[in-house]
Amino acid sequence: MAAEVLSFHQAKIAALHLIPVTEGRFEVLVGDQLIFDKRATKRLPQDGEVEAAVAKALT
């Protein structure tokens, strides 16, 4: 997933952090904006979903 995001948006991304957490959390943020939250959706993202959300947040 990180590789997919970087392959499309590397020129616009200064840093990409993968932070292991517990309790089944999976969150994706662009800056301070939460763009995906497993707790809210009750599922993991589908293929391409995070990349599309990053693209939207970067525009």
N, C-alpha and C. Protein backbone atom coordinates (compact mmCIF):
# COMPACT_ATOMS: atom_id res chain seq x y z
N MET A 1 0.82 -1.18 0.00
CA MET A 1 0.00 0.00 0.00
C MET A 1 0.87 1.25 0.00
N ALA A 2 1.90 1.30 0.83
CA ALA A 2 2.79 2.44 0.86
C ALA A 2 3.48 2.62 -0.49
N ALA A 3 3.90 1.53 -1.10
CA ALA A 3 4.55 1.60 -2.40
C ALA A 3 3.59 2.16 -3.45
N GLU A 4 2.33 1.77 -3.39
CA GLU A 4 1.33 2.26 -4.34
C GLU A 4 1.15 3.77 -4.18
N VAL A 5 1.02 4.23 -2.95
CA VAL A 5 0.85 5.65 -2.70
C VAL A 5 2.06 6.42 -3.19
N LEU A 6 3.25 5.94 -2.87
CA LEU A 6 4.47 6.63 -3.31
C LEU A 6 4.63 6.61 -4.82
N SER A 7 4.26 5.53 -5.47
CA SER A 7 4.45 5.45 -6.91
C SER A 7 3.61 6.50 -7.64
N PHE A 8 2.48 6.87 -7.08
CA PHE A 8 1.61 7.87 -7.71
C PHE A 8 1.87 9.29 -7.22
N HIS A 9 2.36 9.45 -5.99
CA HIS A 9 2.38 10.77 -5.37
C HIS A 9 3.73 11.16 -4.77
N GLN A 10 4.80 10.52 -5.15
CA GLN A 10 6.11 10.76 -4.53
C GLN A 10 6.52 12.22 -4.60
N ALA A 11 6.23 12.90 -5.69
CA ALA A 11 6.63 14.30 -5.84
C ALA A 11 5.92 15.22 -4.84
N LYS A 12 4.76 14.80 -4.34
CA LYS A 12 3.97 15.64 -3.43
C LYS A 12 4.12 15.22 -1.96
N ILE A 13 4.82 14.11 -1.70
CA ILE A 13 4.90 13.59 -0.34
C ILE A 13 6.31 13.81 0.21
N ALA A 14 6.40 14.55 1.31
CA ALA A 14 7.69 14.81 1.94
C ALA A 14 8.11 13.65 2.84
N ALA A 15 7.14 12.97 3.44
CA ALA A 15 7.45 11.86 4.34
C ALA A 15 6.27 10.90 4.39
N LEU A 16 6.59 9.64 4.60
CA LEU A 16 5.57 8.61 4.74
C LEU A 16 5.96 7.77 5.95
N HIS A 17 5.08 7.71 6.94
CA HIS A 17 5.37 6.99 8.17
C HIS A 17 4.40 5.82 8.33
N LEU A 18 4.94 4.65 8.58
CA LEU A 18 4.14 3.48 8.92
C LEU A 18 4.37 3.22 10.39
N ILE A 19 3.32 3.30 11.18
CA ILE A 19 3.44 3.18 12.63
C ILE A 19 2.61 1.99 13.09
N PRO A 20 3.26 0.92 13.56
CA PRO A 20 2.51 -0.23 14.06
C PRO A 20 1.74 0.15 15.32
N VAL A 21 0.49 -0.28 15.38
CA VAL A 21 -0.34 -0.01 16.55
C VAL A 21 -1.02 -1.30 16.97
N THR A 22 -1.66 -1.24 18.10
CA THR A 22 -2.38 -2.41 18.62
C THR A 22 -3.87 -2.18 18.53
N GLU A 23 -4.63 -3.10 19.03
CA GLU A 23 -6.08 -3.00 19.14
C GLU A 23 -6.79 -2.95 17.80
N GLY A 24 -6.17 -3.48 16.73
CA GLY A 24 -6.82 -3.56 15.44
C GLY A 24 -7.01 -2.24 14.72
N ARG A 25 -6.33 -1.21 15.15
CA ARG A 25 -6.46 0.10 14.51
C ARG A 25 -5.76 0.11 13.17
N PHE A 26 -6.31 0.83 12.22
CA PHE A 26 -5.68 1.09 10.93
C PHE A 26 -6.18 2.45 10.47
N GLU A 27 -5.32 3.44 10.56
CA GLU A 27 -5.69 4.80 10.20
C GLU A 27 -4.71 5.33 9.16
N VAL A 28 -5.21 6.13 8.24
CA VAL A 28 -4.37 6.78 7.24
C VAL A 28 -4.65 8.27 7.33
N LEU A 29 -3.58 9.03 7.50
CA LEU A 29 -3.70 10.48 7.59
C LEU A 29 -2.86 11.13 6.50
N VAL A 30 -3.33 12.24 5.99
CA VAL A 30 -2.54 13.12 5.13
C VAL A 30 -2.44 14.41 5.91
N GLY A 31 -1.24 14.69 6.40
CA GLY A 31 -1.09 15.80 7.34
C GLY A 31 -1.86 15.45 8.60
N ASP A 32 -2.76 16.32 8.98
CA ASP A 32 -3.61 16.07 10.15
C ASP A 32 -4.99 15.56 9.77
N GLN A 33 -5.23 15.36 8.47
CA GLN A 33 -6.55 14.94 7.97
C GLN A 33 -6.66 13.42 7.94
N LEU A 34 -7.60 12.87 8.68
CA LEU A 34 -7.87 11.43 8.68
C LEU A 34 -8.63 11.09 7.41
N ILE A 35 -8.03 10.23 6.56
CA ILE A 35 -8.69 9.91 5.30
C ILE A 35 -9.20 8.47 5.25
N PHE A 36 -8.74 7.64 6.17
CA PHE A 36 -9.30 6.29 6.29
C PHE A 36 -9.16 5.85 7.74
N ASP A 37 -10.22 5.26 8.27
CA ASP A 37 -10.23 4.77 9.65
C ASP A 37 -10.97 3.43 9.69
N LYS A 38 -10.24 2.38 10.01
CA LYS A 38 -10.84 1.03 10.08
C LYS A 38 -11.94 0.97 11.13
N ARG A 39 -11.76 1.67 12.23
CA ARG A 39 -12.80 1.64 13.28
C ARG A 39 -14.10 2.25 12.77
N ALA A 40 -14.01 3.30 11.96
CA ALA A 40 -15.22 3.95 11.45
C ALA A 40 -15.89 3.11 10.36
N THR A 41 -15.07 2.47 9.50
CA THR A 41 -15.63 1.71 8.38
C THR A 41 -15.87 0.24 8.73
N LYS A 42 -15.24 -0.21 9.82
CA LYS A 42 -15.33 -1.60 10.28
C LYS A 42 -14.79 -2.59 9.24
N ARG A 43 -13.77 -2.12 8.47
CA ARG A 43 -13.15 -2.98 7.45
C ARG A 43 -11.78 -2.40 7.08
N LEU A 44 -10.97 -3.23 6.45
CA LEU A 44 -9.72 -2.75 5.88
C LEU A 44 -10.01 -2.12 4.52
N PRO A 45 -9.13 -1.25 4.05
CA PRO A 45 -9.39 -0.61 2.75
C PRO A 45 -9.30 -1.60 1.60
N GLN A 46 -10.07 -1.34 0.57
CA GLN A 46 -10.02 -2.14 -0.65
C GLN A 46 -8.83 -1.68 -1.49
N ASP A 47 -8.44 -2.51 -2.46
CA ASP A 47 -7.33 -2.16 -3.35
C ASP A 47 -7.59 -0.80 -3.98
N GLY A 48 -6.60 0.06 -3.91
CA GLY A 48 -6.68 1.38 -4.54
C GLY A 48 -7.44 2.43 -3.74
N GLU A 49 -8.10 2.03 -2.68
CA GLU A 49 -8.93 2.96 -1.92
C GLU A 49 -8.09 4.02 -1.19
N VAL A 50 -6.99 3.59 -0.58
CA VAL A 50 -6.13 4.54 0.13
C VAL A 50 -5.47 5.50 -0.86
N GLU A 51 -4.96 4.97 -1.97
CA GLU A 51 -4.32 5.81 -2.98
C GLU A 51 -5.30 6.86 -3.50
N ALA A 52 -6.54 6.46 -3.75
CA ALA A 52 -7.55 7.40 -4.24
C ALA A 52 -7.85 8.48 -3.18
N ALA A 53 -7.91 8.09 -1.93
CA ALA A 53 -8.16 9.05 -0.85
C ALA A 53 -6.99 10.01 -0.68
N VAL A 54 -5.78 9.50 -0.83
CA VAL A 54 -4.58 10.36 -0.76
C VAL A 54 -4.62 11.35 -1.92
N ALA A 55 -4.92 10.88 -3.12
CA ALA A 55 -4.99 11.76 -4.29
C ALA A 55 -6.00 12.88 -4.06
N LYS A 56 -7.16 12.53 -3.52
CA LYS A 56 -8.19 13.53 -3.25
C LYS A 56 -7.72 14.54 -2.21
N ALA A 57 -7.04 14.06 -1.18
CA ALA A 57 -6.57 14.95 -0.10
C ALA A 57 -5.45 15.87 -0.58
N LEU A 58 -4.67 15.44 -1.57
CA LEU A 58 -3.55 16.23 -2.06
C LEU A 58 -3.96 17.27 -3.10
N THR A 59 -5.20 17.20 -3.58
CA THR A 59 -5.63 18.16 -4.60
C THR A 59 -6.31 19.35 -3.99
